[in-house]
Amino acid sequence: FVTKYHDVVHTATEIFDIAAKDGNVPMEKTDTLVDHSLVPMVKESGVVDYLYELNHLASDVYNHSLRVSILAGVIAKWLQLPKEETRDLILAGFLHDIGKTHFSERLLSKQVENLRGKDLDDYMKHTLDGHHILSAKPDISEGVRLAALQHHERMDGSGFPFNSSGKDIHKYARIIAIADIYDNITTEREGRIKQTPFTAIARITEDMYASRLDAEICVAMLKHIKDVFLGSTVVLNNGKRGTIVRYADDFSSLPLVSISQDEIIDLNQQKDIKIVEYNPK
C-alpha cells in the first residue's frame, strides 16, 4: 500500500502543479489516477491503518487531498453508497482543496488556527477558488464542485464561506468534512505531533452531538471504524501497553483494553486513563 501511495503522490503533485500554473485541472490524468489507483486503494483491507502510518505533514496539500479522498471512499463504502457515487466522492475528496493551488507558500505553511485578518480571508477563499476552477470542467458533477465549495460548511450554519446549513450542504461535502477533520487530527502537522484516531473520533462525536456534522454519516463511520481498531495495540497514559478487545454497546463509546489476563481497563469508566499511542513501533 505504501509503495502504491508514493506513486500516486507523484501523480497528484503533477496534477496540482498544473492547476497552480494555469488554473486548469488535467481531467484525463485525474480520472486515470482515481480509477486505476484511488478506487482500488479504498477497497484494500486495513486501509485506515495504512493511512495512519503515512506520517506526512497535513499542510502538504497533495498528501492531504489523497488521504481525504481515500478516507471519503471508505466512508462511502460504510454508507453502502452506489459504485458510481462512491467513485465520484473519491474524485471530490481528491479535488476538495484544489483552490489551495492559489495559495502563496507562506500561507500554505501556516496553521489555520493561527490565521487572522487578510490571511484568514485568503484561506477561506480557497473554497470559492476551488469551485471556480472545477466549474470550468463540464464533465465534473455538481457534487464534486460543491464539495470544493462547501467542505468547511457545518450543519448548524457555523462554517464558511456562506454559513450554509443542513440539507443545503451537499452530501459529498458533509462526508468530506468528516474525513478532513479525521485526517487533520491524525497526521503530523508543523508544530504539532499527530494524535491518535481516538482523539479524532472524540472530536467527530463531539461535533456530531453539537449538530455541526451530519449525524447519519457520523454514526455510520463511528460504528464501522471501531472494527478497524479491534485487536490493535495501544499505549495508555499510565505507561501500560494493551490490546483493544471490545467496545460497550454505545456506538460512541471508548474501547476496553486488555492489559493482561487479569486486567482489563474500561476507558469509559476510568476517565483519567487515555490512549496516547496507537499501534506503537
C-alpha atoms as a PDB file:
ATOM      1  CA  PHE A   1       0.000   0.000   0.000  1.00  0.00           C
ATOM      2  CA  VAL A   2       2.758   2.463   0.942  1.00  0.00           C
ATOM      3  CA  THR A   3       4.568   1.824  -2.360  1.00  0.00           C
ATOM      4  CA  LYS A   4       1.380   2.457  -4.315  1.00  0.00           C
ATOM      5  CA  TYR A   5       0.710   5.542  -2.232  1.00  0.00           C
ATOM      6  CA  HIS A   6       4.095   7.089  -3.003  1.00  0.00           C
ATOM      7  CA  ASP A   7       3.437   6.515  -6.703  1.00  0.00           C
ATOM      8  CA  VAL A   8       0.113   8.324  -6.557  1.00  0.00           C
ATOM      9  CA  VAL A   9       1.658  11.229  -4.621  1.00  0.00           C
ATOM     10  CA  HIS A  10       3.935  11.832  -7.620  1.00  0.00           C
ATOM     11  CA  THR A  11       0.932  11.955  -9.971  1.00  0.00           C
ATOM     12  CA  ALA A  12      -1.100  14.089  -7.557  1.00  0.00           C
ATOM     13  CA  THR A  13       1.754  16.585  -7.370  1.00  0.00           C
ATOM     14  CA  GLU A  14       1.802  16.871 -11.161  1.00  0.00           C
ATOM     15  CA  ILE A  15      -1.970  17.472 -11.269  1.00  0.00           C
ATOM     16  CA  PHE A  16      -1.902  20.173  -8.594  1.00  0.00           C
ATOM     17  CA  ASP A  17       1.158  21.842 -10.139  1.00  0.00           C
ATOM     18  CA  ILE A  18      -0.648  22.114 -13.479  1.00  0.00           C
ATOM     19  CA  ALA A  19      -3.682  23.592 -11.714  1.00  0.00           C
ATOM     20  CA  ALA A  20      -1.434  26.088  -9.909  1.00  0.00           C
ATOM     21  CA  LYS A  21       0.308  27.099 -13.132  1.00  0.00           C
ATOM     22  CA  ASP A  22      -2.640  27.671 -15.467  1.00  0.00           C
ATOM     23  CA  GLY A  23      -5.793  27.171 -13.376  1.00  0.00           C
ATOM     24  CA  ASN A  24      -6.700  24.041 -15.299  1.00  0.00           C
ATOM     25  CA  VAL A  25      -7.246  20.566 -13.849  1.00  0.00           C
ATOM     26  CA  PRO A  26      -5.957  17.882 -16.281  1.00  0.00           C
ATOM     27  CA  MET A  27      -9.018  15.647 -16.081  1.00  0.00           C
ATOM     28  CA  GLU A  28      -7.685  12.748 -18.155  1.00  0.00           C
ATOM     29  CA  LYS A  29      -4.752  12.342 -15.772  1.00  0.00           C
ATOM     30  CA  THR A  30      -7.031  12.891 -12.766  1.00  0.00           C
ATOM     31  CA  ASP A  31      -9.614  10.330 -13.895  1.00  0.00           C
ATOM     32  CA  THR A  32      -6.861   7.775 -14.524  1.00  0.00           C
ATOM     33  CA  LEU A  33      -5.488   8.362 -11.017  1.00  0.00           C
ATOM     34  CA  VAL A  34      -8.923   7.914  -9.458  1.00  0.00           C
ATOM     35  CA  ASP A  35      -9.929   4.819 -11.463  1.00  0.00           C
ATOM     36  CA  HIS A  36      -6.611   2.947 -11.541  1.00  0.00           C
ATOM     37  CA  SER A  37      -5.187   3.877  -8.133  1.00  0.00           C
ATOM     38  CA  LEU A  38      -7.515   5.502  -5.613  1.00  0.00           C
ATOM     39  CA  VAL A  39     -10.613   3.328  -6.148  1.00  0.00           C
ATOM     40  CA  PRO A  40      -8.573   0.100  -5.723  1.00  0.00           C
ATOM     41  CA  MET A  41      -6.785   1.524  -2.654  1.00  0.00           C
ATOM     42  CA  VAL A  42     -10.119   2.276  -0.969  1.00  0.00           C
ATOM     43  CA  LYS A  43     -11.024  -1.424  -1.299  1.00  0.00           C
ATOM     44  CA  GLU A  44      -7.840  -2.697   0.381  1.00  0.00           C
ATOM     45  CA  SER A  45      -8.161  -4.366   3.765  1.00  0.00           C
ATOM     46  CA  GLY A  46      -6.547  -2.308   6.521  1.00  0.00           C
ATOM     47  CA  VAL A  47      -6.627   0.942   4.546  1.00  0.00           C
ATOM     48  CA  VAL A  48      -7.474   3.115   7.595  1.00  0.00           C
ATOM     49  CA  ASP A  49      -4.446   1.787   9.481  1.00  0.00           C
ATOM     50  CA  TYR A  50      -2.242   2.298   6.425  1.00  0.00           C
ATOM     51  CA  LEU A  51      -3.314   5.926   6.181  1.00  0.00           C
ATOM     52  CA  TYR A  52      -2.431   6.445   9.837  1.00  0.00           C
ATOM     53  CA  GLU A  53       1.061   5.079   9.214  1.00  0.00           C
ATOM     54  CA  LEU A  54       1.695   7.653   6.489  1.00  0.00           C
ATOM     55  CA  ASN A  55       3.299  10.341   8.591  1.00  0.00           C
ATOM     56  CA  HIS A  56       3.312  13.268   6.127  1.00  0.00           C
ATOM     57  CA  LEU A  57       2.656  16.860   7.067  1.00  0.00           C
ATOM     58  CA  ALA A  58      -1.014  17.739   6.639  1.00  0.00           C
ATOM     59  CA  SER A  59      -0.009  21.164   5.279  1.00  0.00           C
ATOM     60  CA  ASP A  60       1.157  19.305   2.167  1.00  0.00           C
ATOM     61  CA  VAL A  61      -1.951  19.711   0.040  1.00  0.00           C
ATOM     62  CA  TYR A  62      -1.102  16.738  -2.210  1.00  0.00           C
ATOM     63  CA  ASN A  63      -0.841  14.185   0.585  1.00  0.00           C
ATOM     64  CA  HIS A  64      -3.784  15.625   2.488  1.00  0.00           C
ATOM     65  CA  SER A  65      -6.014  15.531  -0.585  1.00  0.00           C
ATOM     66  CA  LEU A  66      -5.092  11.919  -1.299  1.00  0.00           C
ATOM     67  CA  ARG A  67      -5.747  10.768   2.254  1.00  0.00           C
ATOM     68  CA  VAL A  68      -9.082  12.601   2.444  1.00  0.00           C
ATOM     69  CA  SER A  69     -10.034  11.104  -0.928  1.00  0.00           C
ATOM     70  CA  ILE A  70      -9.301   7.558   0.226  1.00  0.00           C
ATOM     71  CA  LEU A  71     -10.993   8.004   3.601  1.00  0.00           C
ATOM     72  CA  ALA A  72     -14.053   9.563   1.957  1.00  0.00           C
ATOM     73  CA  GLY A  73     -14.226   6.466  -0.248  1.00  0.00           C
ATOM     74  CA  VAL A  74     -14.069   4.227   2.827  1.00  0.00           C
ATOM     75  CA  ILE A  75     -16.905   6.184   4.466  1.00  0.00           C
ATOM     76  CA  ALA A  76     -18.911   5.831   1.240  1.00  0.00           C
ATOM     77  CA  LYS A  77     -18.394   2.070   1.469  1.00  0.00           C
ATOM     78  CA  TRP A  78     -19.606   2.076   5.080  1.00  0.00           C
ATOM     79  CA  LEU A  79     -22.665   4.074   3.963  1.00  0.00           C
ATOM     80  CA  GLN A  80     -23.235   1.497   1.192  1.00  0.00           C
ATOM     81  CA  LEU A  81     -23.370   4.171  -1.487  1.00  0.00           C
ATOM     82  CA  PRO A  82     -23.674   3.003  -5.109  1.00  0.00           C
ATOM     83  CA  LYS A  83     -20.459   2.267  -7.000  1.00  0.00           C
ATOM     84  CA  GLU A  84     -20.636   5.305  -9.288  1.00  0.00           C
ATOM     85  CA  GLU A  85     -21.459   7.647  -6.416  1.00  0.00           C
ATOM     86  CA  THR A  86     -18.541   6.279  -4.405  1.00  0.00           C
ATOM     87  CA  ARG A  87     -16.208   6.846  -7.345  1.00  0.00           C
ATOM     88  CA  ASP A  88     -17.496  10.426  -7.712  1.00  0.00           C
ATOM     89  CA  LEU A  89     -16.987  11.038  -3.991  1.00  0.00           C
ATOM     90  CA  ILE A  90     -13.379   9.792  -4.211  1.00  0.00           C
ATOM     91  CA  LEU A  91     -12.826  12.316  -7.014  1.00  0.00           C
ATOM     92  CA  ALA A  92     -14.461  15.014  -4.884  1.00  0.00           C
ATOM     93  CA  GLY A  93     -12.162  14.186  -1.980  1.00  0.00           C
ATOM     94  CA  PHE A  94      -9.098  14.438  -4.204  1.00  0.00           C
ATOM     95  CA  LEU A  95     -10.145  17.826  -5.605  1.00  0.00           C
ATOM     96  CA  HIS A  96     -11.726  19.344  -2.489  1.00  0.00           C
ATOM     97  CA  ASP A  97      -8.698  21.560  -1.785  1.00  0.00           C
ATOM     98  CA  ILE A  98      -7.809  22.376  -5.392  1.00  0.00           C
ATOM     99  CA  GLY A  99      -8.445  26.035  -4.566  1.00  0.00           C
ATOM    100  CA  LYS A 100      -5.317  25.982  -2.396  1.00  0.00           C
ATOM    101  CA  THR A 101      -3.249  25.940  -5.600  1.00  0.00           C
ATOM    102  CA  HIS A 102      -3.784  29.732  -5.497  1.00  0.00           C
ATOM    103  CA  PHE A 103      -2.121  29.956  -2.068  1.00  0.00           C
ATOM    104  CA  SER A 104       1.279  31.527  -1.528  1.00  0.00           C
ATOM    105  CA  GLU A 105       3.950  29.300   0.022  1.00  0.00           C
ATOM    106  CA  ARG A 106       3.780  31.456   3.150  1.00  0.00           C
ATOM    107  CA  LEU A 107       0.047  30.859   3.588  1.00  0.00           C
ATOM    108  CA  LEU A 108       0.373  27.122   2.873  1.00  0.00           C
ATOM    109  CA  SER A 109       2.848  26.737   5.727  1.00  0.00           C
ATOM    110  CA  LYS A 110       0.673  28.452   8.350  1.00  0.00           C
ATOM    111  CA  GLN A 111      -1.583  26.765  10.888  1.00  0.00           C
ATOM    112  CA  VAL A 112      -5.237  27.529  10.144  1.00  0.00           C
ATOM    113  CA  GLU A 113      -5.959  28.183  13.827  1.00  0.00           C
ATOM    114  CA  ASN A 114      -3.349  30.959  13.862  1.00  0.00           C
ATOM    115  CA  LEU A 115      -4.650  32.857  10.823  1.00  0.00           C
ATOM    116  CA  ARG A 116      -6.023  36.351  11.318  1.00  0.00           C
ATOM    117  CA  GLY A 117      -7.208  39.235   9.164  1.00  0.00           C
ATOM    118  CA  LYS A 118      -6.320  39.073   5.474  1.00  0.00           C
ATOM    119  CA  ASP A 119      -4.582  35.696   5.900  1.00  0.00           C
ATOM    120  CA  LEU A 120      -7.822  34.196   7.237  1.00  0.00           C
ATOM    121  CA  ASP A 121      -9.851  35.810   4.459  1.00  0.00           C
ATOM    122  CA  ASP A 122      -7.429  34.417   1.856  1.00  0.00           C
ATOM    123  CA  TYR A 123      -7.626  30.965   3.439  1.00  0.00           C
ATOM    124  CA  MET A 124     -11.425  30.913   3.431  1.00  0.00           C
ATOM    125  CA  LYS A 125     -11.379  31.966  -0.224  1.00  0.00           C
ATOM    126  CA  HIS A 126      -9.886  28.591  -1.272  1.00  0.00           C
ATOM    127  CA  THR A 127     -13.389  27.120  -1.235  1.00  0.00           C
ATOM    128  CA  LEU A 128     -14.593  29.723  -3.740  1.00  0.00           C
ATOM    129  CA  ASP A 129     -11.458  29.365  -5.864  1.00  0.00           C
ATOM    130  CA  GLY A 130     -11.849  25.589  -5.924  1.00  0.00           C
ATOM    131  CA  HIS A 131     -15.464  25.857  -7.025  1.00  0.00           C
ATOM    132  CA  HIS A 132     -14.463  28.319  -9.743  1.00  0.00           C
ATOM    133  CA  ILE A 133     -11.688  26.051 -11.073  1.00  0.00           C
ATOM    134  CA  LEU A 134     -13.959  22.999 -11.171  1.00  0.00           C
ATOM    135  CA  SER A 135     -16.893  24.885 -12.694  1.00  0.00           C
ATOM    136  CA  ALA A 136     -14.806  25.253 -15.859  1.00  0.00           C
ATOM    137  CA  LYS A 137     -14.968  21.463 -16.284  1.00  0.00           C
ATOM    138  CA  PRO A 138     -18.330  20.433 -17.782  1.00  0.00           C
ATOM    139  CA  ASP A 139     -17.704  16.717 -17.149  1.00  0.00           C
ATOM    140  CA  ILE A 140     -17.381  17.230 -13.374  1.00  0.00           C
ATOM    141  CA  SER A 141     -20.580  16.642 -11.419  1.00  0.00           C
ATOM    142  CA  GLU A 142     -22.284  19.276  -9.306  1.00  0.00           C
ATOM    143  CA  GLY A 143     -21.458  17.199  -6.214  1.00  0.00           C
ATOM    144  CA  VAL A 144     -17.719  17.398  -6.881  1.00  0.00           C
ATOM    145  CA  ARG A 145     -17.922  21.165  -7.433  1.00  0.00           C
ATOM    146  CA  LEU A 146     -19.998  21.674  -4.291  1.00  0.00           C
ATOM    147  CA  ALA A 147     -17.621  19.526  -2.230  1.00  0.00           C
ATOM    148  CA  ALA A 148     -14.864  22.022  -3.018  1.00  0.00           C
ATOM    149  CA  LEU A 149     -17.172  24.920  -2.131  1.00  0.00           C
ATOM    150  CA  GLN A 150     -18.853  23.511   0.985  1.00  0.00           C
ATOM    151  CA  HIS A 151     -16.440  21.165   2.810  1.00  0.00           C
ATOM    152  CA  HIS A 152     -15.929  23.796   5.538  1.00  0.00           C
ATOM    153  CA  GLU A 153     -19.660  24.436   5.963  1.00  0.00           C
ATOM    154  CA  ARG A 154     -21.290  22.961   9.064  1.00  0.00           C
ATOM    155  CA  MET A 155     -24.768  21.576   9.653  1.00  0.00           C
ATOM    156  CA  ASP A 156     -25.567  24.299  12.228  1.00  0.00           C
ATOM    157  CA  GLY A 157     -24.567  27.121   9.867  1.00  0.00           C
ATOM    158  CA  SER A 158     -21.295  27.900  11.664  1.00  0.00           C
ATOM    159  CA  GLY A 159     -18.990  27.138   8.721  1.00  0.00           C
ATOM    160  CA  PHE A 160     -17.835  29.067   5.670  1.00  0.00           C
ATOM    161  CA  PRO A 161     -17.922  30.546   3.045  1.00  0.00           C
ATOM    162  CA  PHE A 162     -21.716  31.102   3.112  1.00  0.00           C
ATOM    163  CA  ASN A 163     -22.846  29.761   6.520  1.00  0.00           C
ATOM    164  CA  SER A 164     -24.896  27.121   4.703  1.00  0.00           C
ATOM    165  CA  SER A 165     -26.660  24.621   6.940  1.00  0.00           C
ATOM    166  CA  GLY A 166     -28.405  21.254   6.975  1.00  0.00           C
ATOM    167  CA  LYS A 167     -29.506  19.771   3.684  1.00  0.00           C
ATOM    168  CA  ASP A 168     -28.322  22.892   1.828  1.00  0.00           C
ATOM    169  CA  ILE A 169     -24.858  21.320   2.147  1.00  0.00           C
ATOM    170  CA  HIS A 170     -24.257  18.638  -0.472  1.00  0.00           C
ATOM    171  CA  LYS A 171     -23.818  15.081   0.812  1.00  0.00           C
ATOM    172  CA  TYR A 172     -20.299  14.876  -0.648  1.00  0.00           C
ATOM    173  CA  ALA A 173     -19.267  17.991   1.288  1.00  0.00           C
ATOM    174  CA  ARG A 174     -20.751  16.582   4.509  1.00  0.00           C
ATOM    175  CA  ILE A 175     -18.752  13.354   4.111  1.00  0.00           C
ATOM    176  CA  ILE A 176     -15.527  15.127   3.155  1.00  0.00           C
ATOM    177  CA  ALA A 177     -15.874  17.459   6.151  1.00  0.00           C
ATOM    178  CA  ILE A 178     -15.631  14.412   8.441  1.00  0.00           C
ATOM    179  CA  ALA A 179     -12.726  12.858   6.517  1.00  0.00           C
ATOM    180  CA  ASP A 180     -10.954  16.232   6.581  1.00  0.00           C
ATOM    181  CA  ILE A 181     -11.247  16.552  10.373  1.00  0.00           C
ATOM    182  CA  TYR A 182     -10.061  12.979  10.918  1.00  0.00           C
ATOM    183  CA  ASP A 183      -7.010  13.450   8.697  1.00  0.00           C
ATOM    184  CA  ASN A 184      -6.006  16.799  10.188  1.00  0.00           C
ATOM    185  CA  ILE A 185      -6.016  15.357  13.706  1.00  0.00           C
ATOM    186  CA  THR A 186      -4.290  12.032  12.936  1.00  0.00           C
ATOM    187  CA  THR A 187      -1.487  13.428  10.788  1.00  0.00           C
ATOM    188  CA  GLU A 188       1.706  15.136  11.864  1.00  0.00           C
ATOM    189  CA  ARG A 189       1.490  18.849  11.291  1.00  0.00           C
ATOM    190  CA  GLU A 190       4.091  21.552  11.565  1.00  0.00           C
ATOM    191  CA  GLY A 191       4.399  22.420  15.235  1.00  0.00           C
ATOM    192  CA  ARG A 192       2.068  19.605  16.334  1.00  0.00           C
ATOM    193  CA  ILE A 193       2.558  15.851  16.624  1.00  0.00           C
ATOM    194  CA  LYS A 194      -0.094  13.608  15.145  1.00  0.00           C
ATOM    195  CA  GLN A 195      -2.744  12.405  17.570  1.00  0.00           C
ATOM    196  CA  THR A 196      -4.405   9.012  17.821  1.00  0.00           C
ATOM    197  CA  PRO A 197      -7.546   8.003  15.909  1.00  0.00           C
ATOM    198  CA  PHE A 198      -9.380   8.026  19.244  1.00  0.00           C
ATOM    199  CA  THR A 199      -8.753  11.763  19.617  1.00  0.00           C
ATOM    200  CA  ALA A 200     -10.205  12.261  16.136  1.00  0.00           C
ATOM    201  CA  ILE A 201     -13.208  10.067  16.942  1.00  0.00           C
ATOM    202  CA  ALA A 202     -13.847  12.029  20.145  1.00  0.00           C
ATOM    203  CA  ARG A 203     -13.796  15.291  18.173  1.00  0.00           C
ATOM    204  CA  ILE A 204     -16.130  13.935  15.477  1.00  0.00           C
ATOM    205  CA  THR A 205     -18.500  12.626  18.176  1.00  0.00           C
ATOM    206  CA  GLU A 206     -18.456  15.990  19.938  1.00  0.00           C
ATOM    207  CA  ASP A 207     -19.166  17.858  16.689  1.00  0.00           C
ATOM    208  CA  MET A 208     -21.962  15.415  15.870  1.00  0.00           C
ATOM    209  CA  TYR A 209     -23.697  15.980  19.220  1.00  0.00           C
ATOM    210  CA  ALA A 210     -23.231  19.744  18.755  1.00  0.00           C
ATOM    211  CA  SER A 211     -25.033  19.413  15.378  1.00  0.00           C
ATOM    212  CA  ARG A 212     -22.003  20.644  13.427  1.00  0.00           C
ATOM    213  CA  LEU A 213     -21.585  17.376  11.484  1.00  0.00           C
ATOM    214  CA  ASP A 214     -24.148  15.145   9.771  1.00  0.00           C
ATOM    215  CA  ALA A 215     -25.294  12.653  12.413  1.00  0.00           C
ATOM    216  CA  GLU A 216     -26.243   9.916   9.939  1.00  0.00           C
ATOM    217  CA  ILE A 217     -22.785   9.913   8.357  1.00  0.00           C
ATOM    218  CA  CYS A 218     -21.033  10.167  11.732  1.00  0.00           C
ATOM    219  CA  VAL A 219     -22.955   7.230  13.194  1.00  0.00           C
ATOM    220  CA  ALA A 220     -22.069   5.027  10.208  1.00  0.00           C
ATOM    221  CA  MET A 221     -18.425   5.977  10.489  1.00  0.00           C
ATOM    222  CA  LEU A 222     -18.246   5.524  14.261  1.00  0.00           C
ATOM    223  CA  LYS A 223     -19.918   2.108  14.080  1.00  0.00           C
ATOM    224  CA  HIS A 224     -17.602   0.743  11.384  1.00  0.00           C
ATOM    225  CA  ILE A 225     -14.310   2.335  12.335  1.00  0.00           C
ATOM    226  CA  LYS A 226     -14.404   0.553  15.711  1.00  0.00           C
ATOM    227  CA  ASP A 227     -13.981  -2.749  13.885  1.00  0.00           C
ATOM    228  CA  VAL A 228     -10.745  -1.406  12.385  1.00  0.00           C
ATOM    229  CA  PHE A 229      -9.233  -0.947  15.843  1.00  0.00           C
ATOM    230  CA  LEU A 230     -10.164  -4.298  17.410  1.00  0.00           C
ATOM    231  CA  GLY A 231      -7.020  -6.291  18.200  1.00  0.00           C
ATOM    232  CA  SER A 232      -4.753  -3.259  17.861  1.00  0.00           C
ATOM    233  CA  THR A 233      -2.032  -2.465  20.370  1.00  0.00           C
ATOM    234  CA  VAL A 234      -2.225   0.799  22.311  1.00  0.00           C
ATOM    235  CA  VAL A 235      -0.174   2.583  24.963  1.00  0.00           C
ATOM    236  CA  LEU A 236      -2.017   4.334  27.787  1.00  0.00           C
ATOM    237  CA  ASN A 237      -1.018   7.490  29.639  1.00  0.00           C
ATOM    238  CA  ASN A 238      -0.265   5.372  32.711  1.00  0.00           C
ATOM    239  CA  GLY A 239       2.523   3.680  30.729  1.00  0.00           C
ATOM    240  CA  LYS A 240       0.703   0.377  30.297  1.00  0.00           C
ATOM    241  CA  ARG A 241       0.500  -1.358  26.922  1.00  0.00           C
ATOM    242  CA  GLY A 242      -2.563  -3.381  25.974  1.00  0.00           C
ATOM    243  CA  THR A 243      -4.863  -4.655  23.245  1.00  0.00           C
ATOM    244  CA  ILE A 244      -8.291  -3.335  22.265  1.00  0.00           C
ATOM    245  CA  VAL A 245     -10.631  -6.264  22.869  1.00  0.00           C
ATOM    246  CA  ARG A 246     -14.150  -4.855  22.572  1.00  0.00           C
ATOM    247  CA  TYR A 247     -16.456  -1.877  22.975  1.00  0.00           C
ATOM    248  CA  ALA A 248     -19.501  -1.203  25.103  1.00  0.00           C
ATOM    249  CA  ASP A 249     -22.835  -1.152  23.271  1.00  0.00           C
ATOM    250  CA  ASP A 250     -22.923   2.612  22.719  1.00  0.00           C
ATOM    251  CA  PHE A 251     -21.570   3.394  19.249  1.00  0.00           C
ATOM    252  CA  SER A 252     -19.655   6.418  20.590  1.00  0.00           C
ATOM    253  CA  SER A 253     -18.076   4.519  23.490  1.00  0.00           C
ATOM    254  CA  LEU A 254     -14.365   4.188  24.167  1.00  0.00           C
ATOM    255  CA  PRO A 255     -12.708   0.753  23.930  1.00  0.00           C
ATOM    256  CA  LEU A 256     -11.930  -1.807  26.598  1.00  0.00           C
ATOM    257  CA  VAL A 257      -8.195  -2.509  26.729  1.00  0.00           C
ATOM    258  CA  SER A 258      -6.778  -5.833  27.884  1.00  0.00           C
ATOM    259  CA  ILE A 259      -3.503  -5.334  29.757  1.00  0.00           C
ATOM    260  CA  SER A 260      -3.183  -8.957  30.871  1.00  0.00           C
ATOM    261  CA  GLN A 261      -5.349 -11.988  31.562  1.00  0.00           C
ATOM    262  CA  ASP A 262      -6.195 -10.457  34.910  1.00  0.00           C
ATOM    263  CA  GLU A 263      -6.581  -6.798  33.962  1.00  0.00           C
ATOM    264  CA  ILE A 264      -8.992  -5.156  31.540  1.00  0.00           C
ATOM    265  CA  ILE A 265      -9.369  -1.382  31.605  1.00  0.00           C
ATOM    266  CA  ASP A 266     -12.684   0.129  30.521  1.00  0.00           C
ATOM    267  CA  LEU A 267     -11.814   3.622  29.313  1.00  0.00           C
ATOM    268  CA  ASN A 268     -15.463   4.638  29.667  1.00  0.00           C
ATOM    269  CA  GLN A 269     -15.281   4.007  33.394  1.00  0.00           C
ATOM    270  CA  GLN A 270     -11.731   5.181  34.090  1.00  0.00           C
ATOM    271  CA  LYS A 271     -11.909   8.648  32.548  1.00  0.00           C
ATOM    272  CA  ASP A 272      -8.425   9.674  33.683  1.00  0.00           C
ATOM    273  CA  ILE A 273      -6.809   6.939  31.570  1.00  0.00           C
ATOM    274  CA  LYS A 274      -6.363   7.750  27.892  1.00  0.00           C
ATOM    275  CA  ILE A 275      -4.765   6.220  24.803  1.00  0.00           C
ATOM    276  CA  VAL A 276      -1.595   8.117  23.887  1.00  0.00           C
ATOM    277  CA  GLU A 277      -0.156   5.809  21.199  1.00  0.00           C
ATOM    278  CA  TYR A 278      -1.860   3.628  18.605  1.00  0.00           C
ATOM    279  CA  ASN A 279      -0.007   0.662  17.074  1.00  0.00           C
ATOM    280  CA  PRO A 280       3.324   1.825  18.539  1.00  0.00           C
ATOM    281  CA  LYS A 281       6.507   0.824  16.748  1.00  0.00           C
END
